[in-house]
Amino acid sequence: MPKARRKRMTYTEGQRRTILLAAQKDGLTAIQVQKRFGVKPITYYSWRKKRGVAARRGRRGLAMAASGGLGIQLRSAVQSRIRQVLPEIVKSEVGNYMTSLFGGRGGRRRRRSLI
């Protein structure tokens, strides 16, 4: 027998905000949010993504990035320099690897004639 579908629930913007703030304040996981508020984890995650609430762990929010701290400026400068240098490094390393595979000479090998 097919499983009965649950009626689709629509939440107001105020309800979403309340749930997101409570989850962030209490440090709830998606499963805990589901148990407490009845919101499916996928719905909770989509709300978080749309609101920009608590991005991935270990990453700073947009407010920190906008503040322009010295660490952020340094990271940006390093990333920029790496983007400039990386293509040449990759090209050099691939060339060295190809040389090690196919030999040091650039041309094709010719057969010796027996005559």
PDB file of N, CA and C in Angstrom:
ATOM      1  N   MET A   1       0.827  -1.173   0.000  1.00  0.00           N
ATOM      2  CA  MET A   1       0.000   0.000   0.000  1.00  0.00           C
ATOM      3  C   MET A   1       0.882   1.251   0.000  1.00  0.00           C
ATOM      4  N   PRO A   2       0.582   2.227  -0.855  1.00  0.00           N
ATOM      5  CA  PRO A   2       1.422   3.419  -0.897  1.00  0.00           C
ATOM      6  C   PRO A   2       1.335   4.219   0.400  1.00  0.00           C
ATOM      7  N   LYS A   3       2.439   4.854   0.702  1.00  0.00           N
ATOM      8  CA  LYS A   3       2.517   5.655   1.905  1.00  0.00           C
ATOM      9  C   LYS A   3       1.737   6.955   1.697  1.00  0.00           C
ATOM     10  N   ALA A   4       0.969   7.358   2.678  1.00  0.00           N
ATOM     11  CA  ALA A   4       0.183   8.592   2.561  1.00  0.00           C
ATOM     12  C   ALA A   4       1.125   9.790   2.576  1.00  0.00           C
ATOM     13  N   ARG A   5       0.876  10.718   1.675  1.00  0.00           N
ATOM     14  CA  ARG A   5       1.712  11.912   1.614  1.00  0.00           C
ATOM     15  C   ARG A   5       1.299  12.898   2.696  1.00  0.00           C
ATOM     16  N   ARG A   6       2.296  13.537   3.236  1.00  0.00           N
ATOM     17  CA  ARG A   6       2.051  14.561   4.231  1.00  0.00           C
ATOM     18  C   ARG A   6       1.643  15.846   3.525  1.00  0.00           C
ATOM     19  N   LYS A   7       0.706  16.578   4.097  1.00  0.00           N
ATOM     20  CA  LYS A   7       0.250  17.814   3.488  1.00  0.00           C
ATOM     21  C   LYS A   7       1.402  18.822   3.481  1.00  0.00           C
ATOM     22  N   ARG A   8       1.563  19.499   2.365  1.00  0.00           N
ATOM     23  CA  ARG A   8       2.633  20.481   2.235  1.00  0.00           C
ATOM     24  C   ARG A   8       2.365  21.655   3.170  1.00  0.00           C
ATOM     25  N   MET A   9       3.387  21.999   3.919  1.00  0.00           N
ATOM     26  CA  MET A   9       3.269  23.088   4.881  1.00  0.00           C
ATOM     27  C   MET A   9       3.960  24.319   4.318  1.00  0.00           C
ATOM     28  N   THR A  10       3.304  25.449   4.390  1.00  0.00           N
ATOM     29  CA  THR A  10       3.950  26.696   3.982  1.00  0.00           C
ATOM     30  C   THR A  10       4.196  27.525   5.233  1.00  0.00           C
ATOM     31  N   TYR A  11       5.360  28.120   5.284  1.00  0.00           N
ATOM     32  CA  TYR A  11       5.753  28.905   6.442  1.00  0.00           C
ATOM     33  C   TYR A  11       5.835  30.371   6.043  1.00  0.00           C
ATOM     34  N   THR A  12       5.401  31.233   6.943  1.00  0.00           N
ATOM     35  CA  THR A  12       5.513  32.662   6.670  1.00  0.00           C
ATOM     36  C   THR A  12       6.966  33.084   6.860  1.00  0.00           C
ATOM     37  N   GLU A  13       7.284  34.253   6.365  1.00  0.00           N
ATOM     38  CA  GLU A  13       8.651  34.764   6.522  1.00  0.00           C
ATOM     39  C   GLU A  13       9.006  34.902   8.002  1.00  0.00           C
ATOM     40  N   GLY A  14       8.036  35.313   8.806  1.00  0.00           N
ATOM     41  CA  GLY A  14       8.272  35.444  10.249  1.00  0.00           C
ATOM     42  C   GLY A  14       8.568  34.107  10.909  1.00  0.00           C
ATOM     43  N   GLN A  15       7.833  33.065  10.508  1.00  0.00           N
ATOM     44  CA  GLN A  15       8.079  31.730  11.060  1.00  0.00           C
ATOM     45  C   GLN A  15       9.467  31.238  10.666  1.00  0.00           C
ATOM     46  N   ARG A  16       9.827  31.450   9.423  1.00  0.00           N
ATOM     47  CA  ARG A  16      11.162  31.036   8.964  1.00  0.00           C
ATOM     48  C   ARG A  16      12.243  31.736   9.776  1.00  0.00           C
ATOM     49  N   ARG A  17      12.086  33.049   9.932  1.00  0.00           N
ATOM     50  CA  ARG A  17      13.086  33.829  10.662  1.00  0.00           C
ATOM     51  C   ARG A  17      13.198  33.330  12.099  1.00  0.00           C
ATOM     52  N   THR A  18      12.057  33.080  12.743  1.00  0.00           N
ATOM     53  CA  THR A  18      12.046  32.599  14.125  1.00  0.00           C
ATOM     54  C   THR A  18      12.761  31.258  14.241  1.00  0.00           C
ATOM     55  N   ILE A  19      12.465  30.351  13.329  1.00  0.00           N
ATOM     56  CA  ILE A  19      13.086  29.021  13.355  1.00  0.00           C
ATOM     57  C   ILE A  19      14.585  29.127  13.114  1.00  0.00           C
ATOM     58  N   LEU A  20      14.986  29.926  12.126  1.00  0.00           N
ATOM     59  CA  LEU A  20      16.411  30.080  11.826  1.00  0.00           C
ATOM     60  C   LEU A  20      17.166  30.706  12.997  1.00  0.00           C
ATOM     61  N   LEU A  21      16.590  31.738  13.596  1.00  0.00           N
ATOM     62  CA  LEU A  21      17.255  32.386  14.730  1.00  0.00           C
ATOM     63  C   LEU A  21      17.358  31.450  15.928  1.00  0.00           C
ATOM     64  N   ALA A  22      16.286  30.699  16.201  1.00  0.00           N
ATOM     65  CA  ALA A  22      16.311  29.749  17.315  1.00  0.00           C
ATOM     66  C   ALA A  22      17.354  28.663  17.066  1.00  0.00           C
ATOM     67  N   ALA A  23      17.414  28.173  15.842  1.00  0.00           N
ATOM     68  CA  ALA A  23      18.377  27.117  15.506  1.00  0.00           C
ATOM     69  C   ALA A  23      19.803  27.636  15.632  1.00  0.00           C
ATOM     70  N   GLN A  24      20.028  28.865  15.190  1.00  0.00           N
ATOM     71  CA  GLN A  24      21.375  29.426  15.273  1.00  0.00           C
ATOM     72  C   GLN A  24      21.754  29.704  16.727  1.00  0.00           C
ATOM     73  N   LYS A  25      20.822  30.268  17.484  1.00  0.00           N
ATOM     74  CA  LYS A  25      21.086  30.607  18.880  1.00  0.00           C
ATOM     75  C   LYS A  25      21.387  29.365  19.710  1.00  0.00           C
ATOM     76  N   ASP A  26      20.604  28.311  19.498  1.00  0.00           N
ATOM     77  CA  ASP A  26      20.767  27.081  20.278  1.00  0.00           C
ATOM     78  C   ASP A  26      21.755  26.105  19.655  1.00  0.00           C
ATOM     79  N   GLY A  27      22.275  26.435  18.471  1.00  0.00           N
ATOM     80  CA  GLY A  27      23.240  25.554  17.810  1.00  0.00           C
ATOM     81  C   GLY A  27      22.634  24.231  17.377  1.00  0.00           C
ATOM     82  N   LEU A  28      21.403  24.272  16.885  1.00  0.00           N
ATOM     83  CA  LEU A  28      20.697  23.042  16.520  1.00  0.00           C
ATOM     84  C   LEU A  28      21.161  22.505  15.170  1.00  0.00           C
ATOM     85  N   THR A  29      21.157  21.193  15.049  1.00  0.00           N
ATOM     86  CA  THR A  29      21.401  20.552  13.761  1.00  0.00           C
ATOM     87  C   THR A  29      20.081  20.487  13.005  1.00  0.00           C
ATOM     88  N   ALA A  30      20.142  20.100  11.746  1.00  0.00           N
ATOM     89  CA  ALA A  30      18.926  20.002  10.933  1.00  0.00           C
ATOM     90  C   ALA A  30      17.960  18.966  11.509  1.00  0.00           C
ATOM     91  N   ILE A  31      18.492  17.876  12.027  1.00  0.00           N
ATOM     92  CA  ILE A  31      17.637  16.835  12.617  1.00  0.00           C
ATOM     93  C   ILE A  31      16.956  17.365  13.876  1.00  0.00           C
ATOM     94  N   GLN A  32      17.697  18.129  14.680  1.00  0.00           N
ATOM     95  CA  GLN A  32      17.111  18.712  15.883  1.00  0.00           C
ATOM     96  C   GLN A  32      16.036  19.736  15.533  1.00  0.00           C
ATOM     97  N   VAL A  33      16.257  20.497  14.453  1.00  0.00           N
ATOM     98  CA  VAL A  33      15.250  21.455  13.980  1.00  0.00           C
ATOM     99  C   VAL A  33      13.999  20.704  13.548  1.00  0.00           C
ATOM    100  N   GLN A  34      14.184  19.568  12.883  1.00  0.00           N
ATOM    101  CA  GLN A  34      13.036  18.773  12.447  1.00  0.00           C
ATOM    102  C   GLN A  34      12.233  18.277  13.649  1.00  0.00           C
ATOM    103  N   LYS A  35      12.927  17.790  14.668  1.00  0.00           N
ATOM    104  CA  LYS A  35      12.229  17.277  15.848  1.00  0.00           C
ATOM    105  C   LYS A  35      11.509  18.395  16.601  1.00  0.00           C
ATOM    106  N   ARG A  36      12.157  19.544  16.675  1.00  0.00           N
ATOM    107  CA  ARG A  36      11.603  20.646  17.465  1.00  0.00           C
ATOM    108  C   ARG A  36      10.500  21.420  16.741  1.00  0.00           C
ATOM    109  N   PHE A  37      10.698  21.663  15.438  1.00  0.00           N
ATOM    110  CA  PHE A  37       9.769  22.517  14.700  1.00  0.00           C
ATOM    111  C   PHE A  37       8.989  21.794  13.602  1.00  0.00           C
ATOM    112  N   GLY A  38       9.385  20.568  13.267  1.00  0.00           N
ATOM    113  CA  GLY A  38       8.695  19.826  12.221  1.00  0.00           C
ATOM    114  C   GLY A  38       9.096  20.217  10.805  1.00  0.00           C
ATOM    115  N   VAL A  39      10.233  20.883  10.671  1.00  0.00           N
ATOM    116  CA  VAL A  39      10.713  21.332   9.358  1.00  0.00           C
ATOM    117  C   VAL A  39      11.690  20.297   8.817  1.00  0.00           C
ATOM    118  N   LYS A  40      11.473  19.844   7.600  1.00  0.00           N
ATOM    119  CA  LYS A  40      12.373  18.864   6.986  1.00  0.00           C
ATOM    120  C   LYS A  40      13.779  19.462   6.850  1.00  0.00           C
ATOM    121  N   PRO A  41      14.813  18.636   7.018  1.00  0.00           N
ATOM    122  CA  PRO A  41      16.179  19.154   6.910  1.00  0.00           C
ATOM    123  C   PRO A  41      16.465  19.864   5.584  1.00  0.00           C
ATOM    124  N   ILE A  42      15.972  19.334   4.482  1.00  0.00           N
ATOM    125  CA  ILE A  42      16.243  19.968   3.188  1.00  0.00           C
ATOM    126  C   ILE A  42      15.630  21.363   3.132  1.00  0.00           C
ATOM    127  N   THR A  43      14.449  21.515   3.745  1.00  0.00           N
ATOM    128  CA  THR A  43      13.796  22.825   3.799  1.00  0.00           C
ATOM    129  C   THR A  43      14.612  23.778   4.662  1.00  0.00           C
ATOM    130  N   TYR A  44      15.047  23.288   5.812  1.00  0.00           N
ATOM    131  CA  TYR A  44      15.864  24.098   6.721  1.00  0.00           C
ATOM    132  C   TYR A  44      17.136  24.565   6.027  1.00  0.00           C
ATOM    133  N   TYR A  45      17.811  23.652   5.317  1.00  0.00           N
ATOM    134  CA  TYR A  45      19.046  24.023   4.625  1.00  0.00           C
ATOM    135  C   TYR A  45      18.789  25.033   3.511  1.00  0.00           C
ATOM    136  N   SER A  46      17.672  24.886   2.810  1.00  0.00           N
ATOM    137  CA  SER A  46      17.385  25.845   1.737  1.00  0.00           C
ATOM    138  C   SER A  46      17.094  27.226   2.323  1.00  0.00           C
ATOM    139  N   TRP A  47      16.431  27.279   3.471  1.00  0.00           N
ATOM    140  CA  TRP A  47      16.198  28.567   4.126  1.00  0.00           C
ATOM    141  C   TRP A  47      17.520  29.203   4.528  1.00  0.00           C
ATOM    142  N   ARG A  48      18.407  28.394   5.101  1.00  0.00           N
ATOM    143  CA  ARG A  48      19.710  28.921   5.521  1.00  0.00           C
ATOM    144  C   ARG A  48      20.478  29.466   4.334  1.00  0.00           C
ATOM    145  N   LYS A  49      20.438  28.737   3.234  1.00  0.00           N
ATOM    146  CA  LYS A  49      21.165  29.165   2.043  1.00  0.00           C
ATOM    147  C   LYS A  49      20.614  30.493   1.523  1.00  0.00           C
ATOM    148  N   LYS A  50      19.290  30.616   1.479  1.00  0.00           N
ATOM    149  CA  LYS A  50      18.665  31.842   0.978  1.00  0.00           C
ATOM    150  C   LYS A  50      18.943  33.034   1.883  1.00  0.00           C
ATOM    151  N   ARG A  51      18.973  32.802   3.192  1.00  0.00           N
ATOM    152  CA  ARG A  51      19.191  33.889   4.141  1.00  0.00           C
ATOM    153  C   ARG A  51      20.668  34.170   4.371  1.00  0.00           C
ATOM    154  N   GLY A  52      21.534  33.252   3.967  1.00  0.00           N
ATOM    155  CA  GLY A  52      22.960  33.440   4.205  1.00  0.00           C
ATOM    156  C   GLY A  52      23.333  33.249   5.663  1.00  0.00           C
ATOM    157  N   VAL A  53      22.512  32.521   6.405  1.00  0.00           N
ATOM    158  CA  VAL A  53      22.758  32.303   7.825  1.00  0.00           C
ATOM    159  C   VAL A  53      23.809  31.231   8.003  1.00  0.00           C
ATOM    160  N   ALA A  54      24.812  31.541   8.785  1.00  0.00           N
ATOM    161  CA  ALA A  54      25.834  30.572   9.195  1.00  0.00           C
ATOM    162  C   ALA A  54      26.283  29.699   8.044  1.00  0.00           C
ATOM    163  N   ALA A  55      27.119  30.270   7.222  1.00  0.00           N
ATOM    164  CA  ALA A  55      27.675  29.507   6.113  1.00  0.00           C
ATOM    165  C   ALA A  55      28.442  28.317   6.664  1.00  0.00           C
ATOM    166  N   ARG A  56      29.141  27.614   5.815  1.00  0.00           N
ATOM    167  CA  ARG A  56      29.862  26.418   6.250  1.00  0.00           C
ATOM    168  C   ARG A  56      30.730  26.704   7.459  1.00  0.00           C
ATOM    169  N   ARG A  57      30.919  25.681   8.257  1.00  0.00           N
ATOM    170  CA  ARG A  57      31.765  25.829   9.432  1.00  0.00           C
ATOM    171  C   ARG A  57      33.175  26.166   9.003  1.00  0.00           C
ATOM    172  N   GLY A  58      33.811  27.019   9.789  1.00  0.00           N
ATOM    173  CA  GLY A  58      35.187  27.377   9.496  1.00  0.00           C
ATOM    174  C   GLY A  58      35.318  28.516   8.505  1.00  0.00           C
ATOM    175  N   ARG A  59      34.238  28.949   7.944  1.00  0.00           N
ATOM    176  CA  ARG A  59      34.290  30.056   6.990  1.00  0.00           C
ATOM    177  C   ARG A  59      33.719  31.294   7.658  1.00  0.00           C
ATOM    178  N   ARG A  60      34.242  32.435   7.312  1.00  0.00           N
ATOM    179  CA  ARG A  60      33.730  33.676   7.871  1.00  0.00           C
ATOM    180  C   ARG A  60      32.537  34.140   7.065  1.00  0.00           C
ATOM    181  N   GLY A  61      31.616  34.802   7.727  1.00  0.00           N
ATOM    182  CA  GLY A  61      30.438  35.334   7.065  1.00  0.00           C
ATOM    183  C   GLY A  61      30.783  36.531   6.203  1.00  0.00           C
ATOM    184  N   LEU A  62      29.813  37.023   5.476  1.00  0.00           N
ATOM    185  CA  LEU A  62      30.029  38.158   4.592  1.00  0.00           C
ATOM    186  C   LEU A  62      30.385  39.414   5.367  1.00  0.00           C
ATOM    187  N   ALA A  63      29.894  39.553   6.587  1.00  0.00           N
ATOM    188  CA  ALA A  63      30.198  40.740   7.378  1.00  0.00           C
ATOM    189  C   ALA A  63      31.692  40.825   7.671  1.00  0.00           C
ATOM    190  N   MET A  64      32.314  39.698   7.976  1.00  0.00           N
ATOM    191  CA  MET A  64      33.756  39.694   8.236  1.00  0.00           C
ATOM    192  C   MET A  64      34.533  40.027   6.974  1.00  0.00           C
ATOM    193  N   ALA A  65      34.095  39.500   5.852  1.00  0.00           N
ATOM    194  CA  ALA A  65      34.794  39.755   4.599  1.00  0.00           C
ATOM    195  C   ALA A  65      34.694  41.219   4.212  1.00  0.00           C
ATOM    196  N   ALA A  66      33.559  41.841   4.493  1.00  0.00           N
ATOM    197  CA  ALA A  66      33.356  43.239   4.128  1.00  0.00           C
ATOM    198  C   ALA A  66      34.139  44.181   5.031  1.00  0.00           C
ATOM    199  N   SER A  67      34.527  43.739   6.222  1.00  0.00           N
ATOM    200  CA  SER A  67      35.226  44.620   7.152  1.00  0.00           C
ATOM    201  C   SER A  67      36.624  44.968   6.667  1.00  0.00           C
ATOM    202  N   GLY A  68      37.205  44.165   5.788  1.00  0.00           N
ATOM    203  CA  GLY A  68      38.505  44.483   5.205  1.00  0.00           C
ATOM    204  C   GLY A  68      39.655  44.349   6.177  1.00  0.00           C
ATOM    205  N   GLY A  69      39.622  43.362   7.036  1.00  0.00           N
ATOM    206  CA  GLY A  69      40.699  43.154   7.986  1.00  0.00           C
ATOM    207  C   GLY A  69      41.999  42.807   7.279  1.00  0.00           C
ATOM    208  N   LEU A  70      43.103  42.977   8.007  1.00  0.00           N
ATOM    209  CA  LEU A  70      44.425  42.728   7.438  1.00  0.00           C
ATOM    210  C   LEU A  70      44.574  41.292   6.956  1.00  0.00           C
ATOM    211  N   GLY A  71      44.048  40.337   7.723  1.00  0.00           N
ATOM    212  CA  GLY A  71      44.134  38.930   7.333  1.00  0.00           C
ATOM    213  C   GLY A  71      43.429  38.655   6.023  1.00  0.00           C
ATOM    214  N   ILE A  72      42.300  39.294   5.833  1.00  0.00           N
ATOM    215  CA  ILE A  72      41.529  39.101   4.602  1.00  0.00           C
ATOM    216  C   ILE A  72      42.272  39.702   3.418  1.00  0.00           C
ATOM    217  N   GLN A  73      42.863  40.881   3.625  1.00  0.00           N
ATOM    218  CA  GLN A  73      43.629  41.524   2.554  1.00  0.00           C
ATOM    219  C   GLN A  73      44.844  40.681   2.184  1.00  0.00           C
ATOM    220  N   LEU A  74      45.513  40.141   3.196  1.00  0.00           N
ATOM    221  CA  LEU A  74      46.677  39.300   2.945  1.00  0.00           C
ATOM    222  C   LEU A  74      46.280  38.049   2.175  1.00  0.00           C
ATOM    223  N   ARG A  75      45.201  37.411   2.600  1.00  0.00           N
ATOM    224  CA  ARG A  75      44.727  36.210   1.914  1.00  0.00           C
ATOM    225  C   ARG A  75      44.389  36.513   0.459  1.00  0.00           C
ATOM    226  N   SER A  76      43.739  37.631   0.230  1.00  0.00           N
ATOM    227  CA  SER A  76      43.374  38.028  -1.128  1.00  0.00           C
ATOM    228  C   SER A  76      44.617  38.242  -1.987  1.00  0.00           C
ATOM    229  N   ALA A  77      45.637  38.894  -1.424  1.00  0.00           N
ATOM    230  CA  ALA A  77      46.874  39.141  -2.166  1.00  0.00           C
ATOM    231  C   ALA A  77      47.581  37.830  -2.500  1.00  0.00           C
ATOM    232  N   VAL A  78      47.618  36.913  -1.535  1.00  0.00           N
ATOM    233  CA  VAL A  78      48.268  35.620  -1.765  1.00  0.00           C
ATOM    234  C   VAL A  78      47.522  34.838  -2.843  1.00  0.00           C
ATOM    235  N   GLN A  79      46.201  34.820  -2.771  1.00  0.00           N
ATOM    236  CA  GLN A  79      45.414  34.106  -3.776  1.00  0.00           C
ATOM    237  C   GLN A  79      45.629  34.697  -5.160  1.00  0.00           C
ATOM    238  N   SER A  80      45.707  36.003  -5.240  1.00  0.00           N
ATOM    239  CA  SER A  80      45.933  36.662  -6.527  1.00  0.00           C
ATOM    240  C   SER A  80      47.289  36.268  -7.105  1.00  0.00           C
ATOM    241  N   ARG A  81      48.307  36.272  -6.262  1.00  0.00           N
ATOM    242  CA  ARG A  81      49.657  35.917  -6.723  1.00  0.00           C
ATOM    243  C   ARG A  81      49.711  34.452  -7.156  1.00  0.00           C
ATOM    244  N   ILE A  82      49.050  33.587  -6.420  1.00  0.00           N
ATOM    245  CA  ILE A  82      49.021  32.164  -6.781  1.00  0.00           C
ATOM    246  C   ILE A  82      48.355  31.980  -8.135  1.00  0.00           C
ATOM    247  N   ARG A  83      47.263  32.709  -8.377  1.00  0.00           N
ATOM    248  CA  ARG A  83      46.589  32.615  -9.679  1.00  0.00           C
ATOM    249  C   ARG A  83      47.502  33.053 -10.816  1.00  0.00           C
ATOM    250  N   GLN A  84      48.395  33.998 -10.561  1.00  0.00           N
ATOM    251  CA  GLN A  84      49.325  34.456 -11.591  1.00  0.00           C
ATOM    252  C   GLN A  84      50.411  33.421 -11.863  1.00  0.00           C
ATOM    253  N   VAL A  85      50.930  32.805 -10.819  1.00  0.00           N
ATOM    254  CA  VAL A  85      52.092  31.922 -10.931  1.00  0.00           C
ATOM    255  C   VAL A  85      51.711  30.487 -11.289  1.00  0.00           C
ATOM    256  N   LEU A  86      50.561  30.038 -10.854  1.00  0.00           N
ATOM    257  CA  LEU A  86      50.170  28.637 -10.995  1.00  0.00           C
ATOM    258  C   LEU A  86      50.194  28.110 -12.424  1.00  0.00           C
ATOM    259  N   PRO A  87      49.680  28.831 -13.424  1.00  0.00           N
ATOM    260  CA  PRO A  87      49.710  28.273 -14.782  1.00  0.00           C
ATOM    261  C   PRO A  87      51.122  27.935 -15.266  1.00  0.00           C
ATOM    262  N   GLU A  88      52.091  28.777 -14.960  1.00  0.00           N
ATOM    263  CA  GLU A  88      53.470  28.514 -15.380  1.00  0.00           C
ATOM    264  C   GLU A  88      54.043  27.302 -14.649  1.00  0.00           C
ATOM    265  N   ILE A  89      53.733  27.163 -13.376  1.00  0.00           N
ATOM    266  CA  ILE A  89      54.205  26.009 -12.605  1.00  0.00           C
ATOM    267  C   ILE A  89      53.627  24.721 -13.180  1.00  0.00           C
ATOM    268  N   VAL A  90      52.340  24.717 -13.458  1.00  0.00           N
ATOM    269  CA  VAL A  90      51.692  23.526 -14.016  1.00  0.00           C
ATOM    270  C   VAL A  90      52.295  23.188 -15.369  1.00  0.00           C
ATOM    271  N   LYS A  91      52.483  24.194 -16.221  1.00  0.00           N
ATOM    272  CA  LYS A  91      53.064  23.970 -17.545  1.00  0.00           C
ATOM    273  C   LYS A  91      54.458  23.356 -17.427  1.00  0.00           C
ATOM    274  N   SER A  92      55.264  23.890 -16.531  1.00  0.00           N
ATOM    275  CA  SER A  92      56.620  23.385 -16.331  1.00  0.00           C
ATOM    276  C   SER A  92      56.610  21.943 -15.823  1.00  0.00           C
ATOM    277  N   GLU A  93      55.769  21.665 -14.838  1.00  0.00           N
ATOM    278  CA  GLU A  93      55.715  20.322 -14.263  1.00  0.00           C
ATOM    279  C   GLU A  93      55.201  19.292 -15.267  1.00  0.00           C
ATOM    280  N   VAL A  94      54.192  19.656 -16.042  1.00  0.00           N
ATOM    281  CA  VAL A  94      53.681  18.740 -17.067  1.00  0.00           C
ATOM    282  C   VAL A  94      54.752  18.487 -18.114  1.00  0.00           C
ATOM    283  N   GLY A  95      55.473  19.531 -18.514  1.00  0.00           N
ATOM    284  CA  GLY A  95      56.563  19.368 -19.476  1.00  0.00           C
ATOM    285  C   GLY A  95      57.645  18.439 -18.956  1.00  0.00           C
ATOM    286  N   ASN A  96      58.041  18.616 -17.703  1.00  0.00           N
ATOM    287  CA  ASN A  96      59.053  17.741 -17.100  1.00  0.00           C
ATOM    288  C   ASN A  96      58.573  16.291 -17.047  1.00  0.00           C
ATOM    289  N   TYR A  97      57.310  16.098 -16.718  1.00  0.00           N
ATOM    290  CA  TYR A  97      56.763  14.752 -16.646  1.00  0.00           C
ATOM    291  C   TYR A  97      56.735  14.105 -18.026  1.00  0.00           C
ATOM    292  N   MET A  98      56.313  14.860 -19.028  1.00  0.00           N
ATOM    293  CA  MET A  98      56.266  14.331 -20.393  1.00  0.00           C
ATOM    294  C   MET A  98      57.672  13.972 -20.874  1.00  0.00           C
ATOM    295  N   THR A  99      58.641  14.802 -20.532  1.00  0.00           N
ATOM    296  CA  THR A  99      60.026  14.516 -20.902  1.00  0.00           C
ATOM    297  C   THR A  99      60.503  13.229 -20.236  1.00  0.00           C
ATOM    298  N   SER A 100      60.138  13.042 -18.975  1.00  0.00           N
ATOM    299  CA  SER A 100      60.568  11.825 -18.283  1.00  0.00           C
ATOM    300  C   SER A 100      59.906  10.584 -18.883  1.00  0.00           C
ATOM    301  N   LEU A 101      58.699  10.731 -19.404  1.00  0.00           N
ATOM    302  CA  LEU A 101      58.011   9.592 -20.007  1.00  0.00           C
ATOM    303  C   LEU A 101      58.552   9.247 -21.387  1.00  0.00           C
ATOM    304  N   PHE A 102      58.746  10.265 -22.201  1.00  0.00           N
ATOM    305  CA  PHE A 102      59.053  10.035 -23.606  1.00  0.00           C
ATOM    306  C   PHE A 102      60.486  10.355 -23.991  1.00  0.00           C
ATOM    307  N   GLY A 103      61.317  10.624 -23.042  1.00  0.00           N
ATOM    308  CA  GLY A 103      62.719  10.867 -23.340  1.00  0.00           C
ATOM    309  C   GLY A 103      63.026  12.344 -23.505  1.00  0.00           C
ATOM    310  N   GLY A 104      64.307  12.631 -23.461  1.00  0.00           N
ATOM    311  CA  GLY A 104      64.749  14.012 -23.489  1.00  0.00           C
ATOM    312  C   GLY A 104      64.794  14.630 -24.862  1.00  0.00           C
ATOM    313  N   ARG A 105      64.865  13.834 -25.906  1.00  0.00           N
ATOM    314  CA  ARG A 105      64.966  14.408 -27.243  1.00  0.00           C
ATOM    315  C   ARG A 105      63.597  14.832 -27.727  1.00  0.00           C
ATOM    316  N   GLY A 106      63.576  15.934 -28.437  1.00  0.00           N
ATOM    317  CA  GLY A 106      62.317  16.484 -28.893  1.00  0.00           C
ATOM    318  C   GLY A 106      61.775  15.836 -30.143  1.00  0.00           C
ATOM    319  N   GLY A 107      62.649  15.337 -31.034  1.00  0.00           N
ATOM    320  CA  GLY A 107      62.184  14.807 -32.313  1.00  0.00           C
ATOM    321  C   GLY A 107      61.824  13.347 -32.253  1.00  0.00           C
ATOM    322  N   ARG A 108      61.325  12.851 -33.401  1.00  0.00           N
ATOM    323  CA  ARG A 108      61.008  11.427 -33.475  1.00  0.00           C
ATOM    324  C   ARG A 108      62.289  10.642 -33.715  1.00  0.00           C
ATOM    325  N   ARG A 109      62.289   9.404 -33.304  1.00  0.00           N
ATOM    326  CA  ARG A 109      63.449   8.539 -33.539  1.00  0.00           C
ATOM    327  C   ARG A 109      63.403   8.031 -34.966  1.00  0.00           C
ATOM    328  N   ARG A 110      64.538   8.036 -35.598  1.00  0.00           N
ATOM    329  CA  ARG A 110      64.616   7.511 -36.963  1.00  0.00           C
ATOM    330  C   ARG A 110      65.198   6.114 -36.927  1.00  0.00           C
ATOM    331  N   ARG A 111      64.740   5.309 -37.841  1.00  0.00           N
ATOM    332  CA  ARG A 111      65.299   3.962 -37.954  1.00  0.00           C
ATOM    333  C   ARG A 111      66.623   4.037 -38.687  1.00  0.00           C
ATOM    334  N   ARG A 112      67.536   3.222 -38.268  1.00  0.00           N
ATOM    335  CA  ARG A 112      68.811   3.144 -38.981  1.00  0.00           C
ATOM    336  C   ARG A 112      68.642   2.309 -40.226  1.00  0.00           C
ATOM    337  N   SER A 113      69.209   2.766 -41.245  1.00  0.00           N
ATOM    338  CA  SER A 113      69.163   1.935 -42.453  1.00  0.00           C
ATOM    339  C   SER A 113      70.281   0.907 -42.368  1.00  0.00           C
ATOM    340  N   LEU A 114      70.009  -0.269 -42.851  1.00  0.00           N
ATOM    341  CA  LEU A 114      70.973  -1.356 -42.776  1.00  0.00           C
ATOM    342  C   LEU A 114      72.011  -1.280 -43.884  1.00  0.00           C
ATOM    343  N   ILE A 115      71.813  -0.461 -44.863  1.00  0.00           N
ATOM    344  CA  ILE A 115      72.745  -0.388 -45.980  1.00  0.00           C
ATOM    345  C   ILE A 115      73.784   0.643 -45.761  1.00  0.00           C
TER     346      ILE A 115
END
